[in-house]
Amino acid sequence: MTASDELREYLASELREATSAAIRAGADPDAVTADLAERLRRVRLMLAGLEETADPGPADGSTR
């Protein structure tokens, strides 16, 4: 498992717990679920961006 996979799992776990807490506190489950889906989407986009910037590309400087 890569560092980004571990971070993704950690953030997803934290968001799920926050979602459960909000529902237990009386929030609308559909709204909370929609918010969770959007937050997870943004996390995935950010992590994908990090993976792209971490990829140094070919060592010889050629393009792919």
PDB file of N, CA and C in Angstrom:
ATOM      1  N   MET A   1       0.857  -1.175   0.000  1.00  0.00           N
ATOM      2  CA  MET A   1       0.000   0.000   0.000  1.00  0.00           C
ATOM      3  C   MET A   1       0.904   1.239   0.000  1.00  0.00           C
ATOM      4  N   THR A   2       0.614   2.170  -0.901  1.00  0.00           N
ATOM      5  CA  THR A   2       1.416   3.387  -0.991  1.00  0.00           C
ATOM      6  C   THR A   2       0.992   4.388   0.077  1.00  0.00           C
ATOM      7  N   ALA A   3       1.812   5.414   0.241  1.00  0.00           N
ATOM      8  CA  ALA A   3       1.494   6.457   1.218  1.00  0.00           C
ATOM      9  C   ALA A   3       0.184   7.152   0.856  1.00  0.00           C
ATOM     10  N   SER A   4      -0.051   7.371  -0.431  1.00  0.00           N
ATOM     11  CA  SER A   4      -1.305   8.029  -0.822  1.00  0.00           C
ATOM     12  C   SER A   4      -2.504   7.123  -0.563  1.00  0.00           C
ATOM     13  N   ASP A   5      -2.324   5.807  -0.721  1.00  0.00           N
ATOM     14  CA  ASP A   5      -3.406   4.871  -0.394  1.00  0.00           C
ATOM     15  C   ASP A   5      -3.724   4.923   1.093  1.00  0.00           C
ATOM     16  N   GLU A   6      -2.669   4.962   1.915  1.00  0.00           N
ATOM     17  CA  GLU A   6      -2.867   5.034   3.361  1.00  0.00           C
ATOM     18  C   GLU A   6      -3.562   6.333   3.750  1.00  0.00           C
ATOM     19  N   LEU A   7      -3.137   7.437   3.131  1.00  0.00           N
ATOM     20  CA  LEU A   7      -3.759   8.729   3.418  1.00  0.00           C
ATOM     21  C   LEU A   7      -5.216   8.723   2.982  1.00  0.00           C
ATOM     22  N   ARG A   8      -5.485   8.168   1.814  1.00  0.00           N
ATOM     23  CA  ARG A   8      -6.861   8.088   1.307  1.00  0.00           C
ATOM     24  C   ARG A   8      -7.739   7.297   2.276  1.00  0.00           C
ATOM     25  N   GLU A   9      -7.236   6.163   2.748  1.00  0.00           N
ATOM     26  CA  GLU A   9      -7.995   5.342   3.698  1.00  0.00           C
ATOM     27  C   GLU A   9      -8.234   6.086   5.006  1.00  0.00           C
ATOM     28  N   TYR A  10      -7.212   6.772   5.496  1.00  0.00           N
ATOM     29  CA  TYR A  10      -7.350   7.528   6.743  1.00  0.00           C
ATOM     30  C   TYR A  10      -8.396   8.632   6.593  1.00  0.00           C
ATOM     31  N   LEU A  11      -8.288   9.411   5.530  1.00  0.00           N
ATOM     32  CA  LEU A  11      -9.238  10.510   5.322  1.00  0.00           C
ATOM     33  C   LEU A  11     -10.656   9.987   5.122  1.00  0.00           C
ATOM     34  N   ALA A  12     -10.800   8.904   4.389  1.00  0.00           N
ATOM     35  CA  ALA A  12     -12.130   8.319   4.191  1.00  0.00           C
ATOM     36  C   ALA A  12     -12.713   7.863   5.521  1.00  0.00           C
ATOM     37  N   SER A  13     -11.886   7.268   6.358  1.00  0.00           N
ATOM     38  CA  SER A  13     -12.341   6.822   7.675  1.00  0.00           C
ATOM     39  C   SER A  13     -12.792   8.008   8.528  1.00  0.00           C
ATOM     40  N   GLU A  14     -12.004   9.076   8.515  1.00  0.00           N
ATOM     41  CA  GLU A  14     -12.364  10.273   9.279  1.00  0.00           C
ATOM     42  C   GLU A  14     -13.673  10.878   8.775  1.00  0.00           C
ATOM     43  N   LEU A  15     -13.837  10.935   7.465  1.00  0.00           N
ATOM     44  CA  LEU A  15     -15.068  11.490   6.900  1.00  0.00           C
ATOM     45  C   LEU A  15     -16.273  10.619   7.229  1.00  0.00           C
ATOM     46  N   ARG A  16     -16.083   9.305   7.188  1.00  0.00           N
ATOM     47  CA  ARG A  16     -17.194   8.407   7.537  1.00  0.00           C
ATOM     48  C   ARG A  16     -17.608   8.596   8.992  1.00  0.00           C
ATOM     49  N   GLU A  17     -16.642   8.745   9.880  1.00  0.00           N
ATOM     50  CA  GLU A  17     -16.959   8.952  11.295  1.00  0.00           C
ATOM     51  C   GLU A  17     -17.687  10.281  11.488  1.00  0.00           C
ATOM     52  N   ALA A  18     -17.238  11.315  10.804  1.00  0.00           N
ATOM     53  CA  ALA A  18     -17.911  12.611  10.897  1.00  0.00           C
ATOM     54  C   ALA A  18     -19.337  12.510  10.361  1.00  0.00           C
ATOM     55  N   THR A  19     -19.520  11.732   9.299  1.00  0.00           N
ATOM     56  CA  THR A  19     -20.848  11.524   8.731  1.00  0.00           C
ATOM     57  C   THR A  19     -21.754  10.820   9.730  1.00  0.00           C
ATOM     58  N   SER A  20     -21.249   9.767  10.334  1.00  0.00           N
ATOM     59  CA  SER A  20     -22.040   9.026  11.328  1.00  0.00           C
ATOM     60  C   SER A  20     -22.417   9.916  12.501  1.00  0.00           C
ATOM     61  N   ALA A  21     -21.466  10.727  12.953  1.00  0.00           N
ATOM     62  CA  ALA A  21     -21.736  11.629  14.075  1.00  0.00           C
ATOM     63  C   ALA A  21     -22.806  12.652  13.704  1.00  0.00           C
ATOM     64  N   ALA A  22     -22.738  13.183  12.493  1.00  0.00           N
ATOM     65  CA  ALA A  22     -23.730  14.168  12.059  1.00  0.00           C
ATOM     66  C   ALA A  22     -25.121  13.549  11.992  1.00  0.00           C
ATOM     67  N   ILE A  23     -25.209  12.329  11.498  1.00  0.00           N
ATOM     68  CA  ILE A  23     -26.509  11.657  11.414  1.00  0.00           C
ATOM     69  C   ILE A  23     -27.040  11.368  12.811  1.00  0.00           C
ATOM     70  N   ARG A  24     -26.165  10.911  13.713  1.00  0.00           N
ATOM     71  CA  ARG A  24     -26.597  10.671  15.096  1.00  0.00           C
ATOM     72  C   ARG A  24     -27.088  11.961  15.753  1.00  0.00           C
ATOM     73  N   ALA A  25     -26.521  13.091  15.349  1.00  0.00           N
ATOM     74  CA  ALA A  25     -26.915  14.381  15.920  1.00  0.00           C
ATOM     75  C   ALA A  25     -28.198  14.922  15.295  1.00  0.00           C
ATOM     76  N   GLY A  26     -28.743  14.205  14.307  1.00  0.00           N
ATOM     77  CA  GLY A  26     -30.026  14.605  13.741  1.00  0.00           C
ATOM     78  C   GLY A  26     -29.970  15.229  12.363  1.00  0.00           C
ATOM     79  N   ALA A  27     -28.802  15.257  11.726  1.00  0.00           N
ATOM     80  CA  ALA A  27     -28.700  15.828  10.386  1.00  0.00           C
ATOM     81  C   ALA A  27     -29.421  14.931   9.380  1.00  0.00           C
ATOM     82  N   ASP A  28     -29.845  15.525   8.290  1.00  0.00           N
ATOM     83  CA  ASP A  28     -30.526  14.791   7.223  1.00  0.00           C
ATOM     84  C   ASP A  28     -29.551  13.791   6.597  1.00  0.00           C
ATOM     85  N   PRO A  29     -29.850  12.499   6.672  1.00  0.00           N
ATOM     86  CA  PRO A  29     -28.920  11.486   6.147  1.00  0.00           C
ATOM     87  C   PRO A  29     -28.586  11.659   4.664  1.00  0.00           C
ATOM     88  N   ASP A  30     -29.569  12.052   3.850  1.00  0.00           N
ATOM     89  CA  ASP A  30     -29.301  12.232   2.424  1.00  0.00           C
ATOM     90  C   ASP A  30     -28.330  13.386   2.184  1.00  0.00           C
ATOM     91  N   ALA A  31     -28.517  14.480   2.906  1.00  0.00           N
ATOM     92  CA  ALA A  31     -27.626  15.631   2.760  1.00  0.00           C
ATOM     93  C   ALA A  31     -26.222  15.289   3.248  1.00  0.00           C
ATOM     94  N   VAL A  32     -26.147  14.573   4.355  1.00  0.00           N
ATOM     95  CA  VAL A  32     -24.844  14.189   4.904  1.00  0.00           C
ATOM     96  C   VAL A  32     -24.130  13.239   3.945  1.00  0.00           C
ATOM     97  N   THR A  33     -24.859  12.298   3.366  1.00  0.00           N
ATOM     98  CA  THR A  33     -24.268  11.354   2.420  1.00  0.00           C
ATOM     99  C   THR A  33     -23.781  12.075   1.170  1.00  0.00           C
ATOM    100  N   ALA A  34     -24.560  13.022   0.676  1.00  0.00           N
ATOM    101  CA  ALA A  34     -24.150  13.798  -0.495  1.00  0.00           C
ATOM    102  C   ALA A  34     -22.892  14.606  -0.185  1.00  0.00           C
ATOM    103  N   ASP A  35     -22.830  15.183   1.006  1.00  0.00           N
ATOM    104  CA  ASP A  35     -21.647  15.938   1.414  1.00  0.00           C
ATOM    105  C   ASP A  35     -20.432  15.019   1.501  1.00  0.00           C
ATOM    106  N   LEU A  36     -20.616  13.825   2.056  1.00  0.00           N
ATOM    107  CA  LEU A  36     -19.525  12.856   2.156  1.00  0.00           C
ATOM    108  C   LEU A  36     -19.015  12.487   0.764  1.00  0.00           C
ATOM    109  N   ALA A  37     -19.919  12.220  -0.151  1.00  0.00           N
ATOM    110  CA  ALA A  37     -19.521  11.854  -1.514  1.00  0.00           C
ATOM    111  C   ALA A  37     -18.705  12.974  -2.156  1.00  0.00           C
ATOM    112  N   GLU A  38     -19.123  14.213  -1.961  1.00  0.00           N
ATOM    113  CA  GLU A  38     -18.393  15.352  -2.528  1.00  0.00           C
ATOM    114  C   GLU A  38     -17.017  15.498  -1.882  1.00  0.00           C
ATOM    115  N   ARG A  39     -16.940  15.344  -0.584  1.00  0.00           N
ATOM    116  CA  ARG A  39     -15.642  15.446   0.101  1.00  0.00           C
ATOM    117  C   ARG A  39     -14.693  14.343  -0.355  1.00  0.00           C
ATOM    118  N   LEU A  40     -15.199  13.134  -0.484  1.00  0.00           N
ATOM    119  CA  LEU A  40     -14.360  12.033  -0.959  1.00  0.00           C
ATOM    120  C   LEU A  40     -13.892  12.272  -2.393  1.00  0.00           C
ATOM    121  N   ARG A  41     -14.760  12.852  -3.214  1.00  0.00           N
ATOM    122  CA  ARG A  41     -14.382  13.175  -4.592  1.00  0.00           C
ATOM    123  C   ARG A  41     -13.221  14.165  -4.604  1.00  0.00           C
ATOM    124  N   ARG A  42     -13.315  15.202  -3.747  1.00  0.00           N
ATOM    125  CA  ARG A  42     -12.241  16.197  -3.679  1.00  0.00           C
ATOM    126  C   ARG A  42     -10.940  15.596  -3.158  1.00  0.00           C
ATOM    127  N   VAL A  43     -11.047  14.710  -2.171  1.00  0.00           N
ATOM    128  CA  VAL A  43      -9.849  14.040  -1.643  1.00  0.00           C
ATOM    129  C   VAL A  43      -9.178  13.237  -2.755  1.00  0.00           C
ATOM    130  N   ARG A  44      -9.975  12.498  -3.519  1.00  0.00           N
ATOM    131  CA  ARG A  44      -9.413  11.695  -4.616  1.00  0.00           C
ATOM    132  C   ARG A  44      -8.713  12.579  -5.646  1.00  0.00           C
ATOM    133  N   LEU A  45      -9.322  13.718  -5.978  1.00  0.00           N
ATOM    134  CA  LEU A  45      -8.704  14.635  -6.938  1.00  0.00           C
ATOM    135  C   LEU A  45      -7.386  15.187  -6.403  1.00  0.00           C
ATOM    136  N   MET A  46      -7.374  15.578  -5.138  1.00  0.00           N
ATOM    137  CA  MET A  46      -6.145  16.108  -4.540  1.00  0.00           C
ATOM    138  C   MET A  46      -5.046  15.052  -4.519  1.00  0.00           C
ATOM    139  N   LEU A  47      -5.392  13.834  -4.139  1.00  0.00           N
ATOM    140  CA  LEU A  47      -4.395  12.768  -4.088  1.00  0.00           C
ATOM    141  C   LEU A  47      -3.892  12.422  -5.484  1.00  0.00           C
ATOM    142  N   ALA A  48      -4.776  12.445  -6.466  1.00  0.00           N
ATOM    143  CA  ALA A  48      -4.349  12.189  -7.841  1.00  0.00           C
ATOM    144  C   ALA A  48      -3.367  13.264  -8.293  1.00  0.00           C
ATOM    145  N   GLY A  49      -3.624  14.503  -7.907  1.00  0.00           N
ATOM    146  CA  GLY A  49      -2.704  15.585  -8.233  1.00  0.00           C
ATOM    147  C   GLY A  49      -1.354  15.408  -7.570  1.00  0.00           C
ATOM    148  N   LEU A  50      -1.360  14.946  -6.335  1.00  0.00           N
ATOM    149  CA  LEU A  50      -0.099  14.698  -5.637  1.00  0.00           C
ATOM    150  C   LEU A  50       0.686  13.580  -6.305  1.00  0.00           C
ATOM    151  N   GLU A  51      -0.001  12.545  -6.732  1.00  0.00           N
ATOM    152  CA  GLU A  51       0.673  11.429  -7.393  1.00  0.00           C
ATOM    153  C   GLU A  51       1.286  11.877  -8.713  1.00  0.00           C
ATOM    154  N   GLU A  52       0.604  12.776  -9.433  1.00  0.00           N
ATOM    155  CA  GLU A  52       1.137  13.273 -10.702  1.00  0.00           C
ATOM    156  C   GLU A  52       2.389  14.101 -10.482  1.00  0.00           C
ATOM    157  N   THR A  53       2.396  14.955  -9.464  1.00  0.00           N
ATOM    158  CA  THR A  53       3.568  15.791  -9.215  1.00  0.00           C
ATOM    159  C   THR A  53       4.719  14.985  -8.644  1.00  0.00           C
ATOM    160  N   ALA A  54       4.432  13.858  -8.028  1.00  0.00           N
ATOM    161  CA  ALA A  54       5.485  13.010  -7.469  1.00  0.00           C
ATOM    162  C   ALA A  54       6.136  12.149  -8.540  1.00  0.00           C
ATOM    163  N   ASP A  55       5.494  11.995  -9.685  1.00  0.00           N
ATOM    164  CA  ASP A  55       6.025  11.175 -10.768  1.00  0.00           C
ATOM    165  C   ASP A  55       7.070  11.978 -11.535  1.00  0.00           C
ATOM    166  N   PRO A  56       8.359  11.622 -11.433  1.00  0.00           N
ATOM    167  CA  PRO A  56       9.402  12.422 -12.071  1.00  0.00           C
ATOM    168  C   PRO A  56       9.479  12.260 -13.584  1.00  0.00           C
ATOM    169  N   GLY A  57       8.816  11.256 -14.126  1.00  0.00           N
ATOM    170  CA  GLY A  57       8.882  11.033 -15.559  1.00  0.00           C
ATOM    171  C   GLY A  57      10.141  10.282 -15.937  1.00  0.00           C
ATOM    172  N   PRO A  58      10.385  10.144 -17.230  1.00  0.00           N
ATOM    173  CA  PRO A  58      11.557   9.394 -17.693  1.00  0.00           C
ATOM    174  C   PRO A  58      12.859  10.067 -17.268  1.00  0.00           C
ATOM    175  N   ALA A  59      13.847   9.266 -16.913  1.00  0.00           N
ATOM    176  CA  ALA A  59      15.134   9.793 -16.456  1.00  0.00           C
ATOM    177  C   ALA A  59      15.911  10.450 -17.585  1.00  0.00           C
ATOM    178  N   ASP A  60      15.638  10.084 -18.827  1.00  0.00           N
ATOM    179  CA  ASP A  60      16.396  10.640 -19.950  1.00  0.00           C
ATOM    180  C   ASP A  60      15.825  11.959 -20.461  1.00  0.00           C
ATOM    181  N   GLY A  61      14.748  12.433 -19.840  1.00  0.00           N
ATOM    182  CA  GLY A  61      14.162  13.712 -20.221  1.00  0.00           C
ATOM    183  C   GLY A  61      13.204  13.628 -21.395  1.00  0.00           C
ATOM    184  N   SER A  62      13.033  12.452 -21.962  1.00  0.00           N
ATOM    185  CA  SER A  62      12.116  12.323 -23.092  1.00  0.00           C
ATOM    186  C   SER A  62      10.676  12.390 -22.607  1.00  0.00           C
ATOM    187  N   THR A  63       9.787  12.661 -23.525  1.00  0.00           N
ATOM    188  CA  THR A  63       8.365  12.677 -23.176  1.00  0.00           C
ATOM    189  C   THR A  63       7.820  11.278 -23.304  1.00  0.00           C
ATOM    190  N   ARG A  64       6.699  11.074 -22.711  1.00  0.00           N
ATOM    191  CA  ARG A  64       6.104   9.731 -22.741  1.00  0.00           C
ATOM    192  C   ARG A  64       5.358   9.536 -23.967  1.00  0.00           C
TER     193      ARG A  64
END
